[in-house]
Amino acid sequence: MLPERFKQVFKNKKTQEELDEHYNNLELEKGDYPAMVIAALLTFLPVLLIAMGIIYGIAWLFFLRS
């Protein structure tokens, strides 16, 4: 059963041109762009803050500790 599902998924693969045409013809509604920006901030901001905290912590351990 599992290999049949994989065959079905890979069989329906679209070409890059078909995907480009589909997404170029996509029309956004009034509030879609702000919603996408807010979603991106909610997704990436916590990860960036954690990474910055780790970098700051390493710098504190090596350089700023008395």
N, C-alpha and C. Protein backbone atom coordinates (compact mmCIF):
# COMPACT_ATOMS: atom_id res chain seq x y z
N MET A 1 0.82 -1.19 0.00
CA MET A 1 0.00 0.00 0.00
C MET A 1 0.87 1.26 0.00
N LEU A 2 1.90 1.28 0.79
CA LEU A 2 2.72 2.46 0.90
C LEU A 2 3.44 2.82 -0.40
N PRO A 3 4.05 1.85 -1.10
CA PRO A 3 4.68 2.22 -2.38
C PRO A 3 3.69 2.74 -3.41
N GLU A 4 2.46 2.26 -3.39
CA GLU A 4 1.45 2.75 -4.32
C GLU A 4 1.14 4.22 -4.05
N ARG A 5 1.10 4.60 -2.78
CA ARG A 5 0.83 6.00 -2.42
C ARG A 5 1.98 6.88 -2.91
N PHE A 6 3.22 6.41 -2.75
CA PHE A 6 4.36 7.18 -3.23
C PHE A 6 4.31 7.35 -4.74
N LYS A 7 3.96 6.30 -5.44
CA LYS A 7 3.84 6.39 -6.90
C LYS A 7 2.78 7.40 -7.30
N GLN A 8 1.67 7.42 -6.59
CA GLN A 8 0.59 8.34 -6.91
C GLN A 8 1.02 9.79 -6.66
N VAL A 9 1.73 10.02 -5.57
CA VAL A 9 2.17 11.38 -5.25
C VAL A 9 3.17 11.87 -6.28
N PHE A 10 4.15 11.05 -6.63
CA PHE A 10 5.17 11.48 -7.58
C PHE A 10 4.65 11.53 -9.01
N LYS A 11 3.60 10.77 -9.31
CA LYS A 11 3.02 10.78 -10.65
C LYS A 11 2.33 12.11 -10.94
N ASN A 12 1.72 12.73 -9.93
CA ASN A 12 0.97 13.96 -10.11
C ASN A 12 1.84 15.21 -9.98
N LYS A 13 3.13 15.06 -10.08
CA LYS A 13 4.03 16.20 -9.92
C LYS A 13 3.87 17.15 -11.11
N LYS A 14 3.76 18.44 -10.82
CA LYS A 14 3.60 19.43 -11.87
C LYS A 14 4.96 20.00 -12.23
N THR A 15 5.06 20.52 -13.44
CA THR A 15 6.31 21.12 -13.87
C THR A 15 6.45 22.51 -13.25
N GLN A 16 7.66 23.03 -13.28
CA GLN A 16 7.91 24.35 -12.70
C GLN A 16 7.12 25.43 -13.44
N GLU A 17 6.97 25.29 -14.74
CA GLU A 17 6.21 26.28 -15.51
C GLU A 17 4.75 26.30 -15.09
N GLU A 18 4.18 25.12 -14.86
CA GLU A 18 2.78 25.05 -14.42
C GLU A 18 2.60 25.69 -13.05
N LEU A 19 3.55 25.44 -12.17
CA LEU A 19 3.47 26.04 -10.84
C LEU A 19 3.64 27.56 -10.90
N ASP A 20 4.58 28.04 -11.73
CA ASP A 20 4.77 29.48 -11.87
C ASP A 20 3.51 30.15 -12.41
N GLU A 21 2.88 29.52 -13.40
CA GLU A 21 1.65 30.07 -13.98
C GLU A 21 0.53 30.11 -12.94
N HIS A 22 0.44 29.06 -12.13
CA HIS A 22 -0.60 29.01 -11.11
C HIS A 22 -0.41 30.13 -10.09
N TYR A 23 0.81 30.31 -9.59
CA TYR A 23 1.05 31.30 -8.54
C TYR A 23 1.09 32.72 -9.08
N ASN A 24 1.40 32.92 -10.34
CA ASN A 24 1.36 34.26 -10.92
C ASN A 24 -0.08 34.73 -11.12
N ASN A 25 -1.00 33.81 -11.35
CA ASN A 25 -2.41 34.16 -11.55
C ASN A 25 -3.19 34.23 -10.23
N LEU A 26 -2.52 34.02 -9.12
CA LEU A 26 -3.16 34.03 -7.81
C LEU A 26 -3.44 35.47 -7.40
N GLU A 27 -4.66 35.75 -7.02
CA GLU A 27 -5.03 37.09 -6.61
C GLU A 27 -5.22 37.12 -5.09
N LEU A 28 -4.60 38.14 -4.46
CA LEU A 28 -4.69 38.28 -3.01
C LEU A 28 -5.86 39.19 -2.65
N GLU A 29 -6.47 38.91 -1.52
CA GLU A 29 -7.55 39.76 -1.03
C GLU A 29 -6.97 40.92 -0.24
N LYS A 30 -7.84 41.76 0.28
CA LYS A 30 -7.44 43.01 0.92
C LYS A 30 -6.48 42.79 2.10
N GLY A 31 -6.75 41.88 2.99
CA GLY A 31 -5.94 41.72 4.19
C GLY A 31 -4.92 40.61 4.13
N ASP A 32 -4.68 40.05 2.95
CA ASP A 32 -3.78 38.90 2.86
C ASP A 32 -2.32 39.26 3.12
N TYR A 33 -1.86 40.39 2.58
CA TYR A 33 -0.45 40.74 2.75
C TYR A 33 -0.11 41.02 4.22
N PRO A 34 -0.88 41.85 4.93
CA PRO A 34 -0.57 42.03 6.36
C PRO A 34 -0.65 40.71 7.15
N ALA A 35 -1.58 39.85 6.79
CA ALA A 35 -1.69 38.57 7.47
C ALA A 35 -0.45 37.71 7.23
N MET A 36 0.09 37.75 6.03
CA MET A 36 1.30 36.98 5.73
C MET A 36 2.49 37.54 6.49
N VAL A 37 2.58 38.87 6.61
CA VAL A 37 3.69 39.49 7.34
C VAL A 37 3.60 39.13 8.83
N ILE A 38 2.42 39.19 9.40
CA ILE A 38 2.24 38.83 10.81
C ILE A 38 2.56 37.36 11.04
N ALA A 39 2.13 36.50 10.13
CA ALA A 39 2.42 35.07 10.26
C ALA A 39 3.92 34.81 10.17
N ALA A 40 4.61 35.52 9.27
CA ALA A 40 6.06 35.35 9.15
C ALA A 40 6.76 35.82 10.43
N LEU A 41 6.32 36.95 10.99
CA LEU A 41 6.92 37.43 12.23
C LEU A 41 6.70 36.45 13.38
N LEU A 42 5.48 35.92 13.48
CA LEU A 42 5.19 34.96 14.54
C LEU A 42 5.97 33.66 14.37
N THR A 43 6.34 33.35 13.13
CA THR A 43 7.09 32.13 12.87
C THR A 43 8.58 32.31 13.09
N PHE A 44 9.14 33.40 12.57
CA PHE A 44 10.59 33.56 12.58
C PHE A 44 11.12 34.32 13.78
N LEU A 45 10.35 35.21 14.36
CA LEU A 45 10.85 36.04 15.45
C LEU A 45 11.27 35.23 16.67
N PRO A 46 10.51 34.26 17.14
CA PRO A 46 10.99 33.47 18.29
C PRO A 46 12.29 32.72 17.99
N VAL A 47 12.42 32.20 16.80
CA VAL A 47 13.64 31.48 16.43
C VAL A 47 14.83 32.44 16.41
N LEU A 48 14.63 33.63 15.85
CA LEU A 48 15.70 34.62 15.81
C LEU A 48 16.08 35.09 17.20
N LEU A 49 15.10 35.29 18.07
CA LEU A 49 15.40 35.70 19.44
C LEU A 49 16.18 34.63 20.20
N ILE A 50 15.83 33.38 20.02
CA ILE A 50 16.56 32.29 20.66
C ILE A 50 17.99 32.22 20.12
N ALA A 51 18.16 32.34 18.81
CA ALA A 51 19.50 32.31 18.23
C ALA A 51 20.34 33.48 18.72
N MET A 52 19.75 34.67 18.80
CA MET A 52 20.48 35.83 19.31
C MET A 52 20.85 35.64 20.78
N GLY A 53 19.97 35.03 21.55
CA GLY A 53 20.27 34.75 22.96
C GLY A 53 21.42 33.78 23.11
N ILE A 54 21.46 32.77 22.26
CA ILE A 54 22.56 31.80 22.31
C ILE A 54 23.87 32.49 21.94
N ILE A 55 23.86 33.31 20.90
CA ILE A 55 25.07 34.02 20.49
C ILE A 55 25.52 34.97 21.60
N TYR A 56 24.59 35.70 22.19
CA TYR A 56 24.93 36.60 23.29
C TYR A 56 25.49 35.82 24.47
N GLY A 57 24.90 34.69 24.78
CA GLY A 57 25.38 33.86 25.89
C GLY A 57 26.78 33.35 25.66
N ILE A 58 27.07 32.93 24.46
CA ILE A 58 28.43 32.47 24.14
C ILE A 58 29.42 33.62 24.23
N ALA A 59 29.03 34.78 23.70
CA ALA A 59 29.91 35.95 23.80
C ALA A 59 30.13 36.34 25.25
N TRP A 60 29.09 36.27 26.07
CA TRP A 60 29.23 36.59 27.49
C TRP A 60 30.19 35.62 28.17
N LEU A 61 30.07 34.34 27.84
CA LEU A 61 30.95 33.35 28.45
C LEU A 61 32.41 33.58 28.10
N PHE A 62 32.69 33.96 26.86
CA PHE A 62 34.07 34.09 26.42
C PHE A 62 34.68 35.47 26.66
N PHE A 63 33.89 36.53 26.56
CA PHE A 63 34.49 37.86 26.56
C PHE A 63 34.07 38.74 27.74
N LEU A 64 32.86 38.69 28.19
CA LEU A 64 32.36 39.67 29.13
C LEU A 64 32.38 39.19 30.59
N ARG A 65 32.66 37.93 30.81
CA ARG A 65 32.66 37.40 32.16
C ARG A 65 33.91 37.86 32.88
N SER A 66 33.76 38.28 34.12
CA SER A 66 34.91 38.78 34.87
C SER A 66 35.61 37.66 35.61
